[in-house]
Amino acid sequence: MTRLSKQWIQHNQVGLYAVAVILAIGIGLGQPSAGSLLELVINPVLAVLLYVTFLEIPFVRIRRAFRNGRFMAAALGMNFVVVPVVVFGLTRFLPEEPVILVGAFMVLLTPCIDYVITFTDLTDGDAEQITAATPALMLVQLLLLPVYLWLFLGQQVAEFIEAGPFIEAFAVIIALPLTFAWATELWADRSERGEQWQDTMGWLPVPMMGATLFVVIASQLPRVQDSIGQIAAVVPVYVAFLVIMPLLGRLAAGLLGMDVGESRALVFTSVTRNSLVILPLALALPPGYALAPAVVVTQTLVELTGMVVLTRVVPGWLLSDAPSLTLSGT
């Protein structure tokens, strides 16, 4: 019964996310004063989300994944060489408004390190590879984001990006949950109570993702409800990114001779972005960039809608298990 209930939650997660988004919009528009309070819990909620997500992946398998240098190099190459070229081209179609461009660049240049694991796992991709790559992806984006912003927008904008919020995000949202997840798995191996705790936590990834969406959207909507027209300009760019990057990820995986599981993992790390984790950094920008967080959150909404499609398209067509479509036949 427990297994069936968890399966029901997984199967209906998109609907649950939609309910969270609708509730967030209602609170954001109906009770805008709640936004400042909800903003205070963004990081704690994200930390819990990452903790329960990391618990889904056995750490013994992560250690094996670290030895896969080919996948690690491919993930870094796609995210920090190919993606910046694609993003630079797509953003040529955006208005020449720094606040819009900063938000778009910040979110599109930073690869996801949270729910990419869940979506990869949903398509029977190699989620262990993604989890193993997470620390490297987080560290490299921390180092390269100011460089890319300087290249694309100039020195004045790059100087606004401070390392402090990003380092804090890494420590609180990545390192701490990862450590607790590892400790929990050790506890579960040695104790029946630990095993029960881990099993209970297994119910939470989808509800915590819904809670994260609720907190982020409800806290940010009051800031931007009068600027929806400006923000809408980024939507076509986000949609184009969702179309282009899976195709390039599939091409790269084929050229590298990856198996289907690794290939699906590469596709999802290439396309999913770090919108929820990058939000604290966007919130730390100067007052003149108050719309940047909304540009970031908009990407979350577009991406989650796209994931509904990609979790079907990737295993069903782009990287099917069928012999004629597997990478060994390319």
Protein backbone atom coordinates (compact mmCIF):
# COMPACT_ATOMS: atom_id res chain seq x y z
CA MET A 1 0.00 0.00 0.00
CA THR A 2 2.85 2.37 0.86
CA ARG A 3 4.51 1.66 -2.45
CA LEU A 4 1.27 2.26 -4.35
CA SER A 5 0.70 5.54 -2.50
CA LYS A 6 4.19 6.76 -3.30
CA GLN A 7 3.70 5.73 -6.90
CA TRP A 8 0.47 7.72 -6.97
CA ILE A 9 2.30 10.80 -5.73
CA GLN A 10 5.02 10.35 -8.36
CA HIS A 11 2.50 9.71 -11.12
CA ASN A 12 0.45 12.79 -10.21
CA GLN A 13 3.32 15.11 -9.35
CA VAL A 14 2.64 17.51 -12.21
CA GLY A 15 -0.92 18.01 -10.97
CA LEU A 16 0.35 18.56 -7.44
CA TYR A 17 2.82 21.16 -8.72
CA ALA A 18 0.00 22.88 -10.61
CA VAL A 19 -2.05 23.10 -7.38
CA ALA A 20 0.98 24.60 -5.59
CA VAL A 21 1.42 27.19 -8.35
CA ILE A 22 -2.29 28.13 -8.33
CA LEU A 23 -2.27 28.52 -4.55
CA ALA A 24 0.92 30.59 -4.76
CA ILE A 25 -0.63 32.91 -7.33
CA GLY A 26 -3.71 33.29 -5.12
CA ILE A 27 -1.61 34.17 -2.06
CA GLY A 28 0.77 36.36 -4.02
CA LEU A 29 -2.04 38.45 -5.48
CA GLY A 30 -4.50 38.26 -2.58
CA GLN A 31 -2.09 38.63 0.34
CA PRO A 32 0.97 40.47 -1.01
CA SER A 33 2.13 41.35 2.51
CA ALA A 34 2.92 37.66 3.06
CA GLY A 35 5.64 37.82 0.40
CA SER A 36 8.36 39.18 2.66
CA LEU A 37 7.72 36.48 5.27
CA LEU A 38 7.68 33.68 2.71
CA GLU A 39 10.94 34.95 1.23
CA LEU A 40 12.67 34.18 4.55
CA VAL A 41 11.95 30.46 4.23
CA ILE A 42 13.09 29.98 0.62
CA ASN A 43 16.54 28.66 1.57
CA PRO A 44 15.35 26.33 4.37
CA VAL A 45 12.68 24.84 2.13
CA LEU A 46 15.23 24.36 -0.66
CA ALA A 47 17.60 22.65 1.78
CA VAL A 48 14.93 20.15 2.83
CA LEU A 49 14.04 19.53 -0.82
CA LEU A 50 17.68 18.71 -1.61
CA TYR A 51 18.01 16.50 1.48
CA VAL A 52 15.08 14.27 0.55
CA THR A 53 16.19 14.29 -3.11
CA PHE A 54 19.72 13.16 -2.24
CA LEU A 55 18.26 10.38 -0.07
CA GLU A 56 16.74 8.86 -3.20
CA ILE A 57 20.20 7.99 -4.54
CA PRO A 58 22.31 5.29 -2.77
CA PHE A 59 25.71 6.77 -1.99
CA VAL A 60 27.57 3.57 -2.82
CA ARG A 61 26.43 4.06 -6.40
CA ILE A 62 27.45 7.72 -6.35
CA ARG A 63 31.02 6.71 -5.53
CA ARG A 64 31.06 4.55 -8.64
CA ALA A 65 29.61 7.41 -10.68
CA PHE A 66 32.49 9.71 -9.67
CA ARG A 67 34.84 7.45 -11.58
CA ASN A 68 33.00 8.10 -14.85
CA GLY A 69 35.24 10.86 -16.17
CA ARG A 70 33.60 10.80 -19.60
CA PHE A 71 30.19 11.77 -18.25
CA MET A 72 31.67 14.40 -15.93
CA ALA A 73 33.58 15.99 -18.80
CA ALA A 74 30.49 15.88 -21.04
CA ALA A 75 28.28 17.50 -18.38
CA LEU A 76 30.81 20.27 -17.79
CA GLY A 77 31.35 20.78 -21.52
CA MET A 78 27.64 21.00 -22.32
CA ASN A 79 26.86 23.36 -19.44
CA PHE A 80 29.86 25.67 -19.61
CA VAL A 81 30.87 25.65 -23.28
CA VAL A 82 27.82 24.77 -25.40
CA VAL A 83 25.12 26.40 -23.25
CA PRO A 84 26.80 29.84 -23.09
CA VAL A 85 27.03 29.92 -26.89
CA VAL A 86 23.34 28.99 -27.23
CA VAL A 87 22.30 31.48 -24.54
CA PHE A 88 24.26 34.32 -26.12
CA GLY A 89 22.51 33.66 -29.43
CA LEU A 90 19.01 33.40 -27.94
CA THR A 91 19.33 36.54 -25.81
CA ARG A 92 19.99 38.61 -28.94
CA PHE A 93 16.20 38.50 -29.33
CA LEU A 94 15.53 40.08 -25.91
CA PRO A 95 15.02 43.81 -25.27
CA GLU A 96 18.20 45.70 -24.47
CA GLU A 97 17.17 46.17 -20.85
CA PRO A 98 19.89 45.24 -18.32
CA VAL A 99 17.42 44.06 -15.67
CA ILE A 100 15.85 41.56 -18.10
CA LEU A 101 19.18 40.43 -19.54
CA VAL A 102 20.80 39.95 -16.12
CA GLY A 103 17.97 37.73 -14.92
CA ALA A 104 17.95 35.69 -18.13
CA PHE A 105 21.72 35.22 -18.18
CA MET A 106 21.88 34.34 -14.48
CA VAL A 107 19.35 31.55 -14.79
CA LEU A 108 20.25 30.16 -18.21
CA LEU A 109 24.01 30.01 -17.54
CA THR A 110 23.65 28.01 -14.31
CA PRO A 111 22.88 24.26 -14.53
CA CYS A 112 20.32 22.71 -12.20
CA ILE A 113 21.49 20.78 -9.16
CA ASP A 114 18.18 19.82 -7.54
CA TYR A 115 15.14 18.53 -9.41
CA VAL A 116 17.24 17.50 -12.41
CA ILE A 117 17.93 14.36 -10.34
CA THR A 118 14.20 13.66 -9.99
CA PHE A 119 13.40 14.19 -13.66
CA THR A 120 16.35 12.07 -14.76
CA ASP A 121 15.20 9.29 -12.46
CA LEU A 122 11.62 9.53 -13.76
CA THR A 123 12.85 8.72 -17.26
CA ASP A 124 15.07 5.84 -16.06
CA GLY A 125 18.14 7.95 -16.75
CA ASP A 126 21.36 7.56 -14.78
CA ALA A 127 20.48 9.75 -11.78
CA GLU A 128 23.64 8.66 -9.94
CA GLN A 129 25.77 10.39 -12.56
CA ILE A 130 23.84 13.62 -12.10
CA THR A 131 24.17 13.44 -8.32
CA ALA A 132 27.90 12.79 -8.55
CA ALA A 133 28.32 15.76 -10.90
CA THR A 134 26.34 18.14 -8.66
CA PRO A 135 29.25 19.51 -6.55
CA ALA A 136 31.37 20.17 -9.65
CA LEU A 137 28.49 21.84 -11.48
CA MET A 138 27.78 24.08 -8.49
CA LEU A 139 31.41 25.07 -7.96
CA VAL A 140 32.12 25.80 -11.63
CA GLN A 141 29.00 27.92 -12.05
CA LEU A 142 30.02 29.90 -8.96
CA LEU A 143 33.38 30.64 -10.59
CA LEU A 144 32.21 31.23 -14.16
CA LEU A 145 28.95 33.19 -13.77
CA PRO A 146 30.69 36.55 -13.10
CA VAL A 147 33.02 35.85 -16.05
CA TYR A 148 30.12 35.18 -18.42
CA LEU A 149 28.21 38.24 -17.21
CA TRP A 150 31.29 40.36 -17.77
CA LEU A 151 31.71 38.96 -21.28
CA PHE A 152 28.05 39.35 -22.25
CA LEU A 153 27.01 42.47 -20.33
CA GLY A 154 30.14 44.34 -19.32
CA GLN A 155 32.17 44.93 -16.19
CA GLN A 156 29.61 47.13 -14.42
CA VAL A 157 27.02 44.35 -14.20
CA ALA A 158 29.53 41.64 -13.31
CA GLU A 159 30.69 43.67 -10.31
CA PHE A 160 27.20 43.40 -8.80
CA ILE A 161 27.57 39.64 -8.49
CA GLU A 162 28.97 38.89 -5.05
CA ALA A 163 30.40 35.51 -4.12
CA GLY A 164 28.89 35.58 -0.63
CA PRO A 165 25.26 34.68 -1.48
CA PHE A 166 26.41 31.94 -3.87
CA ILE A 167 28.80 30.42 -1.31
CA GLU A 168 26.06 30.55 1.31
CA ALA A 169 23.67 28.86 -1.10
CA PHE A 170 26.20 26.11 -1.78
CA ALA A 171 26.82 25.50 1.92
CA VAL A 172 23.21 25.62 3.09
CA ILE A 173 21.42 24.19 0.06
CA ILE A 174 23.96 21.65 -1.25
CA ALA A 175 26.73 20.70 1.18
CA LEU A 176 24.61 20.48 4.35
CA PRO A 177 21.75 18.42 2.83
CA LEU A 178 24.26 16.15 1.08
CA THR A 179 26.09 15.53 4.39
CA PHE A 180 22.85 14.84 6.24
CA ALA A 181 21.67 12.49 3.49
CA TRP A 182 24.94 10.55 3.67
CA ALA A 183 24.67 10.35 7.47
CA THR A 184 21.05 9.22 7.20
CA GLU A 185 21.99 6.39 4.84
CA LEU A 186 24.71 5.23 7.25
CA TRP A 187 22.16 5.36 10.08
CA ALA A 188 19.63 3.39 8.03
CA ASP A 189 22.23 0.69 7.33
CA ARG A 190 22.85 0.21 11.06
CA SER A 191 19.46 0.88 12.65
CA GLU A 192 15.86 -0.13 12.08
CA ARG A 193 14.78 3.31 13.27
CA GLY A 194 17.11 4.90 10.74
CA GLU A 195 15.62 2.72 8.02
CA GLN A 196 12.11 3.81 9.05
CA TRP A 197 13.19 7.46 8.97
CA GLN A 198 14.63 7.07 5.47
CA ASP A 199 11.46 5.35 4.29
CA THR A 200 9.35 8.19 5.70
CA MET A 201 11.53 10.77 3.96
CA GLY A 202 10.88 8.91 0.71
CA TRP A 203 7.37 10.37 0.69
CA LEU A 204 8.64 13.96 0.63
CA PRO A 205 10.45 14.81 -2.66
CA VAL A 206 7.27 15.68 -4.57
CA PRO A 207 5.53 17.51 -1.67
CA MET A 208 8.73 19.47 -0.96
CA MET A 209 9.04 20.43 -4.61
CA GLY A 210 5.46 21.70 -4.43
CA ALA A 211 6.24 23.61 -1.23
CA THR A 212 9.31 25.15 -2.86
CA LEU A 213 7.31 26.32 -5.85
CA PHE A 214 4.65 27.75 -3.56
CA VAL A 215 7.12 29.70 -1.42
CA VAL A 216 9.13 31.03 -4.36
CA ILE A 217 6.19 32.14 -6.49
CA ALA A 218 4.06 33.54 -3.65
CA SER A 219 7.02 35.54 -2.34
CA GLN A 220 8.02 36.99 -5.70
CA LEU A 221 4.69 37.65 -7.41
CA PRO A 222 3.83 40.81 -5.43
CA ARG A 223 7.09 42.35 -6.64
CA VAL A 224 6.28 42.00 -10.32
CA GLN A 225 2.53 41.98 -10.87
CA ASP A 226 2.76 45.41 -12.50
CA SER A 227 5.57 44.35 -14.84
CA ILE A 228 4.20 41.15 -16.37
CA GLY A 229 4.51 42.60 -19.89
CA GLN A 230 8.26 43.14 -19.52
CA ILE A 231 8.83 39.70 -18.06
CA ALA A 232 6.77 37.95 -20.75
CA ALA A 233 9.45 38.88 -23.29
CA VAL A 234 11.75 36.17 -21.91
CA VAL A 235 9.23 33.33 -22.31
CA PRO A 236 9.95 32.61 -26.02
CA VAL A 237 13.68 32.49 -25.24
CA TYR A 238 13.12 30.00 -22.43
CA VAL A 239 10.93 27.85 -24.67
CA ALA A 240 13.55 27.89 -27.44
CA PHE A 241 16.19 26.81 -24.93
CA LEU A 242 13.98 23.87 -23.90
CA VAL A 243 13.78 22.77 -27.53
CA ILE A 244 17.41 23.28 -28.57
CA MET A 245 19.34 21.86 -25.62
CA PRO A 246 17.80 18.34 -25.54
CA LEU A 247 18.70 17.94 -29.22
CA LEU A 248 22.28 19.10 -28.61
CA GLY A 249 22.54 16.86 -25.54
CA ARG A 250 21.36 13.90 -27.59
CA LEU A 251 23.90 14.70 -30.30
CA ALA A 252 26.76 14.98 -27.79
CA ALA A 253 25.80 11.71 -26.11
CA GLY A 254 25.77 9.95 -29.46
CA LEU A 255 29.18 11.31 -30.41
CA LEU A 256 30.58 10.10 -27.08
CA GLY A 257 29.01 6.64 -27.41
CA MET A 258 27.06 6.87 -24.15
CA ASP A 259 24.47 4.28 -23.19
CA VAL A 260 20.81 5.24 -22.93
CA GLY A 261 20.84 5.94 -19.17
CA GLU A 262 23.88 8.21 -19.36
CA SER A 263 22.47 9.92 -22.46
CA ARG A 264 19.21 10.77 -20.76
CA ALA A 265 21.15 12.14 -17.80
CA LEU A 266 23.24 14.32 -20.13
CA VAL A 267 20.12 15.64 -21.85
CA PHE A 268 18.51 16.65 -18.57
CA THR A 269 21.61 18.29 -17.11
CA SER A 270 21.99 20.22 -20.36
CA VAL A 271 18.44 21.59 -20.35
CA THR A 272 17.44 22.09 -16.68
CA ARG A 273 18.55 25.32 -15.03
CA ASN A 274 19.36 26.38 -11.47
CA SER A 275 16.47 28.82 -11.07
CA LEU A 276 15.52 27.99 -7.48
CA VAL A 277 19.08 28.01 -6.15
CA ILE A 278 20.08 31.10 -8.16
CA LEU A 279 17.13 33.05 -6.73
CA PRO A 280 18.93 34.13 -3.51
CA LEU A 281 21.69 35.59 -5.70
CA ALA A 282 19.14 37.44 -7.83
CA LEU A 283 17.51 38.79 -4.68
CA ALA A 284 20.90 40.19 -3.60
CA LEU A 285 21.18 42.43 -6.66
CA PRO A 286 20.90 46.24 -6.25
CA PRO A 287 17.41 47.87 -6.09
CA GLY A 288 17.52 48.81 -9.78
CA TYR A 289 17.43 45.12 -10.63
CA ALA A 290 14.27 44.31 -8.69
CA LEU A 291 12.71 42.55 -11.70
CA ALA A 292 15.61 40.11 -12.10
CA PRO A 293 14.24 37.61 -9.53
CA ALA A 294 10.95 37.51 -11.42
CA VAL A 295 12.79 36.78 -14.66
CA VAL A 296 14.44 33.89 -12.84
CA VAL A 297 11.17 32.56 -11.40
CA THR A 298 9.51 32.78 -14.82
CA GLN A 299 12.09 30.34 -16.10
CA THR A 300 11.04 27.90 -13.37
CA LEU A 301 7.43 27.97 -14.54
CA VAL A 302 8.37 27.55 -18.20
CA GLU A 303 10.84 24.78 -17.41
CA LEU A 304 8.44 22.76 -15.26
CA THR A 305 5.86 22.94 -18.04
CA GLY A 306 8.55 21.78 -20.46
CA MET A 307 9.52 18.91 -18.17
CA VAL A 308 5.99 17.53 -18.49
CA VAL A 309 6.73 17.17 -22.19
CA LEU A 310 10.37 16.10 -21.94
CA THR A 311 9.76 13.31 -19.43
CA ARG A 312 7.66 11.74 -22.17
CA VAL A 313 9.58 12.81 -25.27
CA VAL A 314 13.05 11.83 -24.06
CA PRO A 315 12.35 8.16 -23.22
CA GLY A 316 9.60 7.80 -25.82
CA TRP A 317 11.32 9.31 -28.84
CA LEU A 318 14.60 11.18 -28.36
CA LEU A 319 16.33 8.38 -26.44
CA SER A 320 14.06 5.38 -26.67
CA ASP A 321 14.93 1.93 -25.35
CA ALA A 322 13.97 0.55 -28.75
CA PRO A 323 17.00 -1.04 -30.45
CA SER A 324 16.67 1.09 -33.55
CA LEU A 325 16.91 4.27 -31.54
CA THR A 326 19.54 3.42 -28.95
CA LEU A 327 22.90 5.12 -29.15
CA SER A 328 24.67 1.90 -29.95
CA GLY A 329 22.99 2.03 -33.29
CA THR A 330 24.03 5.60 -34.12
